[in-house]
Amino acid sequence: SEKNEQASLLRRYMQQNNVSAPLKARVLQSIKALSQNRSRVHESDVAALRLLPLSLRHDLSQEVYAPHVGVHPFFYVCNACFSMQSRKIFSTCLAEKSLSTS
């Protein structure tokens, strides 16, 4: 998997650059903690989504974001009256972000 490949590259990088064992342990522990804290999978994490046709990505974004953004009266009306434009807004202007809990 990509996650394993990235971890392998990180270990190789640290080995090739003679990173001390204590620092190496701290870096790996931090990476492990970050990956465990992030339970949601974001669109940007799924490379296969970038392979989809644009119209299908617009449909997917609308279905993912409309229930959340649509609670605001402005976006509710936009989505109801201008669904094609809303699809573009949802797919080009919105992205999910995880916030740190610490």
Protein backbone atom coordinates (compact mmCIF):
# COMPACT_ATOMS: atom_id res chain seq x y z
CA SER A 1 0.00 0.00 0.00
CA GLU A 2 1.01 3.64 -0.38
CA LYS A 3 1.15 4.04 3.40
CA ASN A 4 3.69 1.20 3.70
CA GLU A 5 5.68 2.57 0.77
CA GLN A 6 5.87 6.01 2.40
CA ALA A 7 6.96 4.50 5.72
CA SER A 8 9.64 2.50 3.93
CA LEU A 9 10.89 5.61 2.12
CA LEU A 10 11.01 7.52 5.39
CA ARG A 11 13.07 4.79 7.07
CA ARG A 12 15.40 4.64 4.06
CA TYR A 13 15.78 8.43 4.06
CA MET A 14 16.70 8.47 7.72
CA GLN A 15 19.13 5.58 7.30
CA GLN A 16 20.85 7.17 4.28
CA ASN A 17 21.21 10.45 6.17
CA ASN A 18 22.56 8.86 9.35
CA VAL A 19 19.73 10.07 11.57
CA SER A 20 20.40 9.09 15.18
CA ALA A 21 18.40 6.24 16.68
CA PRO A 22 16.65 8.44 19.29
CA LEU A 23 15.54 10.97 16.66
CA LYS A 24 14.51 8.19 14.29
CA ALA A 25 12.33 6.70 17.05
CA ARG A 26 10.72 10.09 17.77
CA VAL A 27 9.96 10.68 14.06
CA LEU A 28 8.43 7.21 13.61
CA GLN A 29 6.41 7.55 16.82
CA SER A 30 5.06 10.92 15.67
CA ILE A 31 4.12 9.57 12.23
CA LYS A 32 2.38 6.59 13.85
CA ALA A 33 0.41 8.86 16.19
CA LEU A 34 -0.66 11.11 13.32
CA SER A 35 -1.89 8.19 11.25
CA GLN A 36 -3.86 6.75 14.19
CA ASN A 37 -5.51 10.08 15.01
CA ARG A 38 -6.76 10.54 11.49
CA SER A 39 -9.69 8.18 11.18
CA ARG A 40 -11.48 9.87 8.29
CA VAL A 41 -10.44 9.26 4.72
CA HIS A 42 -10.48 12.46 2.71
CA GLU A 43 -11.02 12.79 -1.02
CA SER A 44 -7.41 13.92 -1.42
CA ASP A 45 -6.27 10.60 0.12
CA VAL A 46 -7.92 8.54 -2.63
CA ALA A 47 -5.81 8.82 -5.77
CA ALA A 48 -8.29 6.72 -7.76
CA LEU A 49 -10.87 9.51 -7.54
CA ARG A 50 -8.66 11.71 -9.71
CA LEU A 51 -9.05 9.13 -12.48
CA LEU A 52 -12.83 9.54 -12.63
CA PRO A 53 -14.47 11.65 -15.33
CA LEU A 54 -15.08 15.23 -14.22
CA SER A 55 -18.88 14.88 -14.35
CA LEU A 56 -18.74 11.86 -12.04
CA ARG A 57 -16.43 13.70 -9.62
CA HIS A 58 -18.91 16.63 -9.60
CA ASP A 59 -21.77 14.22 -8.78
CA LEU A 60 -19.76 12.60 -6.00
CA SER A 61 -18.78 15.95 -4.47
CA GLN A 62 -22.37 17.14 -4.53
CA GLU A 63 -23.56 14.02 -2.76
CA VAL A 64 -20.79 14.22 -0.15
CA TYR A 65 -20.92 17.95 0.62
CA ALA A 66 -24.55 19.00 -0.03
CA PRO A 67 -25.94 17.49 3.19
CA HIS A 68 -23.45 19.52 5.23
CA VAL A 69 -23.28 22.78 3.29
CA GLY A 70 -26.97 22.65 2.37
CA VAL A 71 -28.06 23.37 5.94
CA HIS A 72 -27.11 27.00 5.32
CA PRO A 73 -30.12 28.78 3.73
CA PHE A 74 -28.06 30.32 0.92
CA PHE A 75 -26.57 27.01 -0.21
CA TYR A 76 -29.86 25.20 0.31
CA VAL A 77 -31.53 27.55 -2.20
CA CYS A 78 -28.55 27.38 -4.56
CA ASN A 79 -28.58 23.60 -4.52
CA ALA A 80 -32.36 23.47 -5.03
CA CYS A 81 -32.50 26.06 -7.83
CA PHE A 82 -29.10 25.76 -9.46
CA SER A 83 -28.02 22.17 -8.99
CA MET A 84 -25.58 22.13 -11.94
CA GLN A 85 -23.75 25.19 -10.62
CA SER A 86 -23.84 23.78 -7.10
CA ARG A 87 -22.13 20.61 -8.35
CA LYS A 88 -19.25 22.73 -9.63
CA ILE A 89 -19.06 24.71 -6.39
CA PHE A 90 -19.00 21.54 -4.31
CA SER A 91 -16.26 19.94 -6.39
CA THR A 92 -13.99 22.93 -6.98
CA CYS A 93 -14.39 25.09 -3.87
CA LEU A 94 -14.69 22.58 -1.05
CA ALA A 95 -12.20 20.22 0.53
CA GLU A 96 -12.33 18.32 3.77
CA LYS A 97 -9.65 19.02 6.39
CA SER A 98 -8.89 17.32 9.68
CA LEU A 99 -8.19 19.59 12.60
CA SER A 100 -5.65 18.72 15.23
CA THR A 101 -7.11 17.77 18.60
CA SER A 102 -3.98 18.78 20.48
